Amino acid sequence: MPQTNPNPWFMILVYTWMLFLVIIPTKVLSYTSPNKPTPASPKKHETGAWYWPWS
């Protein structure tokens, strides 16, 4: 069975994890959102009593 030979598969595993741990996070973290978040207003929302038609 050629799958039991770890020689080529171990390096594929190592290169894949290096890709996931080094290259992809730097590309994701360098992304900047075009929409800047706006702060929420400090005004509180007024809540009233609920009307329950079945009670």
C-alpha atoms as a PDB file:
ATOM      1  CA  MET A   1       0.000   0.000   0.000  1.00  0.00           C
ATOM      2  CA  PRO A   2       1.678   3.254  -1.044  1.00  0.00           C
ATOM      3  CA  GLN A   3      -0.348   5.331   1.438  1.00  0.00           C
ATOM      4  CA  THR A   4       1.606   3.872   4.352  1.00  0.00           C
ATOM      5  CA  ASN A   5       4.786   5.493   3.123  1.00  0.00           C
ATOM      6  CA  PRO A   6       4.844   8.846   4.993  1.00  0.00           C
ATOM      7  CA  ASN A   7       7.613  10.320   2.883  1.00  0.00           C
ATOM      8  CA  PRO A   8       5.622  12.433   0.384  1.00  0.00           C
ATOM      9  CA  TRP A   9       2.471  12.783   2.494  1.00  0.00           C
ATOM     10  CA  PHE A  10       4.175  14.217   5.545  1.00  0.00           C
ATOM     11  CA  MET A  11       5.674  17.082   3.529  1.00  0.00           C
ATOM     12  CA  ILE A  12       2.299  17.751   1.925  1.00  0.00           C
ATOM     13  CA  LEU A  13       0.820  17.940   5.421  1.00  0.00           C
ATOM     14  CA  VAL A  14       3.564  20.290   6.606  1.00  0.00           C
ATOM     15  CA  TYR A  15       3.238  22.590   3.582  1.00  0.00           C
ATOM     16  CA  THR A  16      -0.528  22.685   3.920  1.00  0.00           C
ATOM     17  CA  TRP A  17      -0.348  23.671   7.582  1.00  0.00           C
ATOM     18  CA  MET A  18       2.278  26.289   6.808  1.00  0.00           C
ATOM     19  CA  LEU A  19      -0.091  27.722   4.230  1.00  0.00           C
ATOM     20  CA  PHE A  20      -2.950  27.810   6.728  1.00  0.00           C
ATOM     21  CA  LEU A  21      -0.899  29.201   9.611  1.00  0.00           C
ATOM     22  CA  VAL A  22       1.369  31.711   7.848  1.00  0.00           C
ATOM     23  CA  ILE A  23       0.073  32.915   4.513  1.00  0.00           C
ATOM     24  CA  ILE A  24      -3.716  32.908   4.870  1.00  0.00           C
ATOM     25  CA  PRO A  25      -3.950  34.758   8.250  1.00  0.00           C
ATOM     26  CA  THR A  26      -1.714  37.572   6.995  1.00  0.00           C
ATOM     27  CA  LYS A  27      -3.928  38.029   3.936  1.00  0.00           C
ATOM     28  CA  VAL A  28      -7.095  37.989   6.028  1.00  0.00           C
ATOM     29  CA  LEU A  29      -5.745  40.405   8.649  1.00  0.00           C
ATOM     30  CA  SER A  30      -4.586  42.875   6.010  1.00  0.00           C
ATOM     31  CA  TYR A  31      -8.150  43.229   4.705  1.00  0.00           C
ATOM     32  CA  THR A  32      -9.786  46.541   5.561  1.00  0.00           C
ATOM     33  CA  SER A  33     -13.513  47.016   5.457  1.00  0.00           C
ATOM     34  CA  PRO A  34     -14.783  49.768   3.150  1.00  0.00           C
ATOM     35  CA  ASN A  35     -17.663  50.504   5.543  1.00  0.00           C
ATOM     36  CA  LYS A  36     -16.499  52.119   8.753  1.00  0.00           C
ATOM     37  CA  PRO A  37     -18.637  51.216  11.775  1.00  0.00           C
ATOM     38  CA  THR A  38     -20.671  54.063  13.221  1.00  0.00           C
ATOM     39  CA  PRO A  39     -21.062  54.386  16.981  1.00  0.00           C
ATOM     40  CA  ALA A  40     -24.481  53.676  18.412  1.00  0.00           C
ATOM     41  CA  SER A  41     -26.495  56.584  19.725  1.00  0.00           C
ATOM     42  CA  PRO A  42     -26.615  56.922  23.519  1.00  0.00           C
ATOM     43  CA  LYS A  43     -30.402  57.483  23.397  1.00  0.00           C
ATOM     44  CA  LYS A  44     -32.339  54.695  25.103  1.00  0.00           C
ATOM     45  CA  HIS A  45     -35.202  53.034  23.344  1.00  0.00           C
ATOM     46  CA  GLU A  46     -38.543  53.492  25.022  1.00  0.00           C
ATOM     47  CA  THR A  47     -40.403  50.287  25.659  1.00  0.00           C
ATOM     48  CA  GLY A  48     -44.058  50.147  26.538  1.00  0.00           C
ATOM     49  CA  ALA A  49     -46.381  47.549  27.960  1.00  0.00           C
ATOM     50  CA  TRP A  50     -47.342  44.712  25.660  1.00  0.00           C
ATOM     51  CA  TYR A  51     -50.929  43.981  24.802  1.00  0.00           C
ATOM     52  CA  TRP A  52     -51.708  40.273  24.960  1.00  0.00           C
ATOM     53  CA  PRO A  53     -54.998  39.623  23.143  1.00  0.00           C
ATOM     54  CA  TRP A  54     -55.534  36.165  24.656  1.00  0.00           C
ATOM     55  CA  SER A  55     -55.239  37.139  28.322  1.00  0.00           C
END
